[in-house]
Amino acid sequence: MNKNHLTNKAFIYAIVFISFIGGACSQSMPEVELNDEWKNKIYELAPEEATYPFKEKKKVLVFSLHTGFWHWVNPHTEAMFKILGEKSEAFEVSSSTDIAMMEKDKLKEFDLVIFNNTNSKPTYRNLFVDKLSEDESMDSVSVWKKAEELEKNVLNYVKKGGGFFVIHGGNTTFNNSMAFSELIGGSFDYHPKQQPIHVRLVDHKHPLVQAFPADGFVHTDEPYFYKNAYDALDFKPLLYFNNSEIEAQRKGQELTEGVTYVAWIRKEGKGKVLYCAASHNAQSFENPDLLQFYLDGMQYLVGDVKVDETPIGK
């Protein structure tokens, strides 16, 4: 990383991080208006350049379709990724909520696809079924058949070499699909209330977490717990929290020992996957270390850097 870049931003980083920690004393965080002032702040905090060398600019799709819970941070997340791509000059980032982008010919246009809080409704926990059902010309059989086709398109896109970044609630996209759960490393189970979380590093020497302090960072969010494929631990974990530190866990299922992972990577066929539970709040993007983590993760997903991705469950 450029030493001048670190020196020039040290003062800004300190102010923002102190403010961020102070804000973490509350639970739910207030919505932030997405305006030029906020975008300019994120632009200033974003890395000056890509950490790893790259030969050409990669194409990225931020897919933000949702039918279930609406995260107010969705447009901020889109803007954040566009800023990272623009400032680093490593990525050309576009965004969409059009389900047609999941067709084979559309997916192959991108080196990396990001599922940005693509939350589905609780009824079926299938984003594509939810959306296709809005078409009154389709019967239920046709809806499910088409939804299955589009889901397979996503799985095959990754297996054939595509990068796949799933953010926060994006793991509910097909929450009852074991194939999708295995692809990303787990399904959403539940989350307690928002609260300050001490996010720790599994291995502070791993290249993808080099942006963070060795002792981790405090982050206000919903602590996610997982099910299905998560139990196999078929991934390389990067970040975690101690279960004993999480308040208001599901009654009767409280975990007082062990850890739950916040972010991890895994290889799928020729492609790569990164899941990160952060973040529910736009304030999180005011942590420059997290911006660096996202950018480094994007470079990993498109093959700009090779790292240890050995699953801990095998």
Protein backbone atom coordinates (compact mmCIF):
# COMPACT_ATOMS: atom_id res chain seq x y z
CA MET A 1 0.00 0.00 0.00
CA ASN A 2 1.24 3.52 -0.80
CA LYS A 3 2.87 4.99 2.35
CA ASN A 4 2.10 8.56 1.31
CA HIS A 5 -1.56 7.56 1.01
CA LEU A 6 -1.53 6.32 4.61
CA THR A 7 0.27 9.41 5.89
CA ASN A 8 -1.97 11.88 4.08
CA LYS A 9 -5.10 10.27 5.45
CA ALA A 10 -4.00 9.42 8.96
CA PHE A 11 -5.63 12.50 10.48
CA ILE A 12 -8.91 12.02 8.61
CA TYR A 13 -8.98 8.33 9.52
CA ALA A 14 -8.50 9.07 13.21
CA ILE A 15 -11.33 11.63 13.33
CA VAL A 16 -13.77 9.44 11.44
CA PHE A 17 -12.97 6.31 13.40
CA ILE A 18 -13.37 8.09 16.75
CA SER A 19 -16.72 9.44 15.59
CA PHE A 20 -17.70 5.98 14.42
CA ILE A 21 -16.86 4.42 17.79
CA GLY A 22 -18.80 7.13 19.59
CA GLY A 23 -21.86 6.46 17.45
CA ALA A 24 -21.61 2.78 18.26
CA CYS A 25 -22.86 3.42 21.77
CA SER A 26 -26.43 3.54 20.48
CA GLN A 27 -28.35 0.68 18.90
CA SER A 28 -30.32 1.55 15.76
CA MET A 29 -28.53 4.18 13.74
CA PRO A 30 -30.36 7.07 12.03
CA GLU A 31 -30.78 7.04 8.26
CA VAL A 32 -28.27 9.11 6.34
CA GLU A 33 -29.32 11.14 3.32
CA LEU A 34 -27.64 10.01 0.12
CA ASN A 35 -26.42 13.31 -1.27
CA ASP A 36 -23.29 14.80 -2.80
CA GLU A 37 -21.93 15.72 0.62
CA TRP A 38 -22.06 12.08 1.76
CA LYS A 39 -20.64 10.80 -1.52
CA ASN A 40 -17.79 13.29 -1.35
CA LYS A 41 -17.01 12.18 2.20
CA ILE A 42 -16.82 8.54 1.11
CA TYR A 43 -14.71 9.50 -1.90
CA GLU A 44 -12.18 11.21 0.38
CA LEU A 45 -12.05 8.20 2.70
CA ALA A 46 -11.79 5.62 -0.09
CA PRO A 47 -8.37 4.17 -0.97
CA GLU A 48 -6.31 6.30 -3.32
CA GLU A 49 -5.41 3.28 -5.42
CA ALA A 50 -5.88 -0.44 -5.72
CA THR A 51 -3.73 -2.51 -3.36
CA TYR A 52 -2.83 -5.09 -6.00
CA PRO A 53 -1.69 -4.50 -9.58
CA PHE A 54 -4.21 -5.16 -12.32
CA LYS A 55 -3.91 -5.37 -16.09
CA GLU A 56 -7.31 -4.02 -17.07
CA LYS A 57 -10.41 -2.49 -15.55
CA LYS A 58 -12.97 -5.15 -14.59
CA LYS A 59 -16.74 -4.86 -15.05
CA VAL A 60 -18.92 -5.09 -11.94
CA LEU A 61 -22.68 -5.37 -11.50
CA VAL A 62 -24.27 -4.32 -8.21
CA PHE A 63 -27.61 -6.13 -8.18
CA SER A 64 -29.98 -4.55 -5.64
CA LEU A 65 -33.37 -6.11 -6.33
CA HIS A 66 -35.34 -6.80 -3.16
CA THR A 67 -38.85 -8.04 -2.47
CA GLY A 68 -38.55 -8.51 1.27
CA PHE A 69 -37.04 -6.24 3.92
CA TRP A 70 -35.86 -2.91 2.51
CA HIS A 71 -32.47 -1.81 3.80
CA TRP A 72 -32.20 1.96 3.60
CA VAL A 73 -28.47 1.51 3.04
CA ASN A 74 -28.98 -0.12 -0.38
CA PRO A 75 -28.46 3.02 -2.50
CA HIS A 76 -25.53 4.04 -0.31
CA THR A 77 -23.95 0.64 -0.90
CA GLU A 78 -24.33 1.05 -4.65
CA ALA A 79 -22.78 4.51 -4.46
CA MET A 80 -19.93 3.22 -2.28
CA PHE A 81 -18.97 0.51 -4.77
CA LYS A 82 -19.11 2.97 -7.65
CA ILE A 83 -16.81 5.31 -5.74
CA LEU A 84 -14.35 2.49 -5.02
CA GLY A 85 -14.29 1.55 -8.68
CA GLU A 86 -13.94 5.11 -9.92
CA LYS A 87 -11.25 6.27 -7.50
CA SER A 88 -9.11 3.13 -7.78
CA GLU A 89 -9.66 3.01 -11.55
CA ALA A 90 -9.77 -0.77 -11.16
CA PHE A 91 -13.49 -1.31 -11.76
CA GLU A 92 -16.30 -0.11 -13.98
CA VAL A 93 -19.36 -0.43 -11.75
CA SER A 94 -22.98 -0.41 -12.86
CA SER A 95 -26.13 -1.20 -10.89
CA SER A 96 -29.53 -2.70 -11.57
CA THR A 97 -32.70 -4.10 -10.00
CA ASP A 98 -33.78 -5.80 -13.23
CA ILE A 99 -34.17 -9.57 -12.87
CA ALA A 100 -33.31 -9.89 -16.56
CA MET A 101 -29.69 -9.22 -15.58
CA MET A 102 -29.61 -12.78 -14.26
CA GLU A 103 -29.93 -14.23 -17.76
CA LYS A 104 -26.83 -16.05 -18.99
CA ASP A 105 -25.98 -13.54 -21.71
CA LYS A 106 -26.17 -10.65 -19.25
CA LEU A 107 -24.16 -12.26 -16.45
CA LYS A 108 -21.28 -13.12 -18.74
CA GLU A 109 -20.75 -9.41 -19.40
CA PHE A 110 -19.42 -8.98 -15.85
CA ASP A 111 -16.29 -10.10 -14.05
CA LEU A 112 -17.96 -9.62 -10.68
CA VAL A 113 -21.58 -9.62 -9.51
CA ILE A 114 -22.51 -8.14 -6.14
CA PHE A 115 -25.78 -9.10 -4.42
CA ASN A 116 -26.56 -6.00 -2.39
CA ASN A 117 -29.13 -6.83 0.29
CA THR A 118 -31.19 -8.84 -2.18
CA ASN A 119 -33.70 -9.75 0.49
CA SER A 120 -36.59 -12.05 -0.35
CA LYS A 121 -40.01 -12.26 1.27
CA PRO A 122 -40.41 -14.71 4.17
CA THR A 123 -43.15 -16.67 2.34
CA TYR A 124 -40.90 -18.62 -0.02
CA ARG A 125 -37.52 -17.03 0.67
CA ASN A 126 -36.93 -16.95 -3.07
CA LEU A 127 -36.26 -13.54 -4.59
CA PHE A 128 -36.85 -14.68 -8.16
CA VAL A 129 -40.16 -16.40 -7.37
CA ASP A 130 -41.29 -13.24 -5.59
CA LYS A 131 -40.47 -11.04 -8.56
CA LEU A 132 -41.71 -13.35 -11.30
CA SER A 133 -45.01 -13.82 -9.45
CA GLU A 134 -45.76 -10.17 -10.14
CA ASP A 135 -46.26 -11.14 -13.78
CA GLU A 136 -49.94 -12.11 -13.98
CA SER A 137 -49.37 -13.88 -17.31
CA MET A 138 -47.28 -16.57 -15.61
CA ASP A 139 -48.78 -19.46 -13.70
CA SER A 140 -47.06 -20.83 -10.59
CA VAL A 141 -45.43 -23.71 -12.44
CA SER A 142 -43.87 -21.33 -14.95
CA VAL A 143 -42.79 -18.98 -12.19
CA TRP A 144 -40.92 -21.66 -10.25
CA LYS A 145 -39.39 -23.14 -13.40
CA LYS A 146 -38.05 -19.76 -14.51
CA ALA A 147 -36.84 -18.93 -11.01
CA GLU A 148 -34.91 -22.19 -10.87
CA GLU A 149 -33.36 -21.44 -14.26
CA LEU A 150 -32.19 -17.99 -13.15
CA GLU A 151 -30.80 -19.36 -9.89
CA LYS A 152 -28.83 -21.96 -11.83
CA ASN A 153 -27.53 -19.18 -14.07
CA VAL A 154 -26.02 -17.51 -10.99
CA LEU A 155 -24.49 -20.75 -9.72
CA ASN A 156 -23.04 -21.58 -13.14
CA TYR A 157 -21.74 -18.04 -13.57
CA VAL A 158 -19.58 -18.52 -10.48
CA LYS A 159 -18.53 -22.08 -11.30
CA LYS A 160 -17.31 -20.93 -14.72
CA GLY A 161 -15.10 -18.23 -13.23
CA GLY A 162 -17.22 -15.30 -12.14
CA GLY A 163 -16.69 -13.39 -8.92
CA PHE A 164 -19.59 -13.24 -6.46
CA PHE A 165 -19.82 -10.80 -3.55
CA VAL A 166 -22.83 -11.15 -1.22
CA ILE A 167 -23.52 -8.27 1.16
CA HIS A 168 -25.47 -8.50 4.44
CA GLY A 169 -29.05 -9.64 3.71
CA GLY A 170 -28.09 -10.95 0.28
CA ASN A 171 -27.83 -14.36 1.89
CA THR A 172 -31.63 -14.50 2.11
CA THR A 173 -31.97 -14.40 -1.69
CA PHE A 174 -32.72 -18.13 -1.85
CA ASN A 175 -32.71 -18.90 1.84
CA ASN A 176 -34.28 -22.34 1.45
CA SER A 177 -32.01 -23.42 -1.41
CA MET A 178 -29.20 -25.68 -0.24
CA ALA A 179 -27.40 -25.17 -3.54
CA PHE A 180 -27.28 -21.40 -2.98
CA SER A 181 -26.38 -21.89 0.68
CA GLU A 182 -23.47 -24.10 -0.33
CA LEU A 183 -22.38 -21.54 -2.92
CA ILE A 184 -22.09 -18.68 -0.45
CA GLY A 185 -21.24 -20.75 2.63
CA GLY A 186 -24.44 -20.53 4.64
CA SER A 187 -28.03 -19.33 4.92
CA PHE A 188 -29.53 -16.63 7.11
CA ASP A 189 -31.02 -17.90 10.38
CA TYR A 190 -31.76 -14.81 12.46
CA HIS A 191 -30.25 -11.70 14.00
CA PRO A 192 -30.63 -10.03 17.41
CA LYS A 193 -31.03 -6.26 17.76
CA GLN A 194 -28.48 -3.86 16.35
CA GLN A 195 -25.62 -3.36 18.77
CA PRO A 196 -21.92 -2.50 18.91
CA ILE A 197 -19.98 -5.58 17.80
CA HIS A 198 -16.29 -6.15 18.36
CA VAL A 199 -15.36 -7.63 14.99
CA ARG A 200 -12.13 -9.60 15.23
CA LEU A 201 -9.66 -10.91 12.65
CA VAL A 202 -9.25 -14.66 12.26
CA ASP A 203 -5.69 -14.15 10.96
CA HIS A 204 -4.34 -10.61 10.95
CA LYS A 205 -1.68 -11.69 8.43
CA HIS A 206 -4.21 -12.67 5.77
CA PRO A 207 -3.93 -10.24 2.82
CA LEU A 208 -7.66 -9.53 2.67
CA VAL A 209 -7.82 -8.14 6.22
CA GLN A 210 -4.57 -6.17 6.13
CA ALA A 211 -6.57 -2.93 6.26
CA PHE A 212 -7.82 -3.53 9.81
CA PRO A 213 -6.00 -3.11 13.14
CA ALA A 214 -4.74 -6.45 14.44
CA ASP A 215 -7.18 -6.35 17.34
CA GLY A 216 -10.17 -5.72 15.06
CA PHE A 217 -12.72 -2.90 15.18
CA VAL A 218 -16.04 -1.92 16.72
CA HIS A 219 -18.96 -2.00 14.34
CA THR A 220 -22.66 -1.29 14.97
CA ASP A 221 -24.81 -3.76 13.10
CA GLU A 222 -27.17 -6.71 13.32
CA PRO A 223 -25.07 -9.71 14.36
CA TYR A 224 -26.05 -12.40 11.87
CA PHE A 225 -26.37 -16.07 12.78
CA TYR A 226 -26.54 -18.75 10.07
CA LYS A 227 -27.85 -22.22 9.23
CA ASN A 228 -27.78 -24.91 6.52
CA ALA A 229 -24.41 -25.09 4.72
CA TYR A 230 -22.79 -22.87 7.34
CA ASP A 231 -22.40 -25.86 9.66
CA ALA A 232 -19.97 -27.48 7.18
CA LEU A 233 -17.63 -24.46 7.44
CA ASP A 234 -16.69 -24.94 3.81
CA PHE A 235 -14.99 -21.56 3.61
CA LYS A 236 -11.97 -19.58 4.73
CA PRO A 237 -13.13 -17.22 7.50
CA LEU A 238 -11.80 -13.69 7.70
CA LEU A 239 -13.76 -11.88 10.43
CA TYR A 240 -15.72 -13.05 13.46
CA PHE A 241 -17.36 -12.06 16.74
CA ASN A 242 -17.40 -13.85 20.08
CA ASN A 243 -20.86 -15.30 20.72
CA SER A 244 -20.66 -14.53 24.43
CA GLU A 245 -20.52 -10.79 23.64
CA ILE A 246 -23.78 -10.70 21.66
CA GLU A 247 -26.87 -9.50 23.49
CA ALA A 248 -30.53 -10.48 22.98
CA GLN A 249 -29.91 -13.79 21.24
CA ARG A 250 -32.87 -16.00 20.36
CA LYS A 251 -34.39 -17.35 23.56
CA GLY A 252 -33.48 -20.96 24.11
CA GLN A 253 -30.69 -20.83 21.51
CA GLU A 254 -28.24 -18.53 23.25
CA LEU A 255 -24.62 -19.21 22.36
CA THR A 256 -22.30 -18.46 25.25
CA GLU A 257 -19.17 -19.99 23.77
CA GLY A 258 -17.41 -20.10 20.43
CA VAL A 259 -17.53 -17.64 17.56
CA THR A 260 -19.71 -16.71 14.60
CA TYR A 261 -18.09 -15.54 11.39
CA VAL A 262 -18.84 -12.14 9.90
CA ALA A 263 -16.99 -12.50 6.59
CA TRP A 264 -15.41 -15.34 4.64
CA ILE A 265 -14.24 -16.43 1.20
CA ARG A 266 -14.54 -19.66 -0.72
CA LYS A 267 -13.65 -21.07 -4.11
CA GLU A 268 -16.44 -22.53 -6.26
CA GLY A 269 -15.31 -24.20 -9.46
CA LYS A 270 -13.28 -21.60 -11.32
CA GLY A 271 -14.95 -18.76 -9.48
CA LYS A 272 -14.64 -17.11 -6.08
CA VAL A 273 -17.15 -16.02 -3.45
CA LEU A 274 -16.96 -13.46 -0.65
CA TYR A 275 -19.70 -13.07 1.92
CA CYS A 276 -19.70 -10.14 4.34
CA ALA A 277 -22.46 -9.46 6.86
CA ALA A 278 -21.48 -5.80 7.19
CA SER A 279 -23.32 -3.57 6.82
CA HIS A 280 -26.85 -2.57 7.73
CA ASN A 281 -25.87 1.10 8.08
CA ALA A 282 -24.28 3.66 5.79
CA GLN A 283 -22.30 4.99 8.74
CA SER A 284 -20.15 1.86 8.46
CA PHE A 285 -18.76 3.10 5.16
CA GLU A 286 -17.24 6.04 7.01
CA ASN A 287 -14.67 3.57 8.32
CA PRO A 288 -11.87 3.78 5.72
CA ASP A 289 -10.55 0.38 6.80
CA LEU A 290 -13.85 -1.23 5.79
CA LEU A 291 -13.71 0.53 2.41
CA GLN A 292 -10.22 -0.88 1.92
CA PHE A 293 -11.50 -4.34 2.85
CA TYR A 294 -14.26 -4.13 0.25
CA LEU A 295 -11.86 -2.98 -2.45
CA ASP A 296 -9.31 -5.67 -1.62
CA GLY A 297 -12.12 -8.23 -1.63
CA MET A 298 -13.22 -7.11 -5.07
CA GLN A 299 -9.69 -7.56 -6.36
CA TYR A 300 -9.58 -11.05 -4.89
CA LEU A 301 -12.86 -11.95 -6.56
CA VAL A 302 -11.69 -10.95 -10.02
CA GLY A 303 -8.35 -12.70 -9.67
CA ASP A 304 -6.00 -9.75 -9.11
CA VAL A 305 -4.55 -11.43 -6.02
CA LYS A 306 -4.20 -15.03 -4.88
CA VAL A 307 -4.69 -15.75 -1.18
CA ASP A 308 -5.15 -18.72 1.12
CA GLU A 309 -8.76 -19.83 0.67
CA THR A 310 -8.48 -23.24 2.34
CA PRO A 311 -11.81 -24.15 4.00
CA ILE A 312 -11.52 -24.67 7.76
CA GLY A 313 -14.18 -27.37 7.72
CA LYS A 314 -12.11 -29.75 5.59
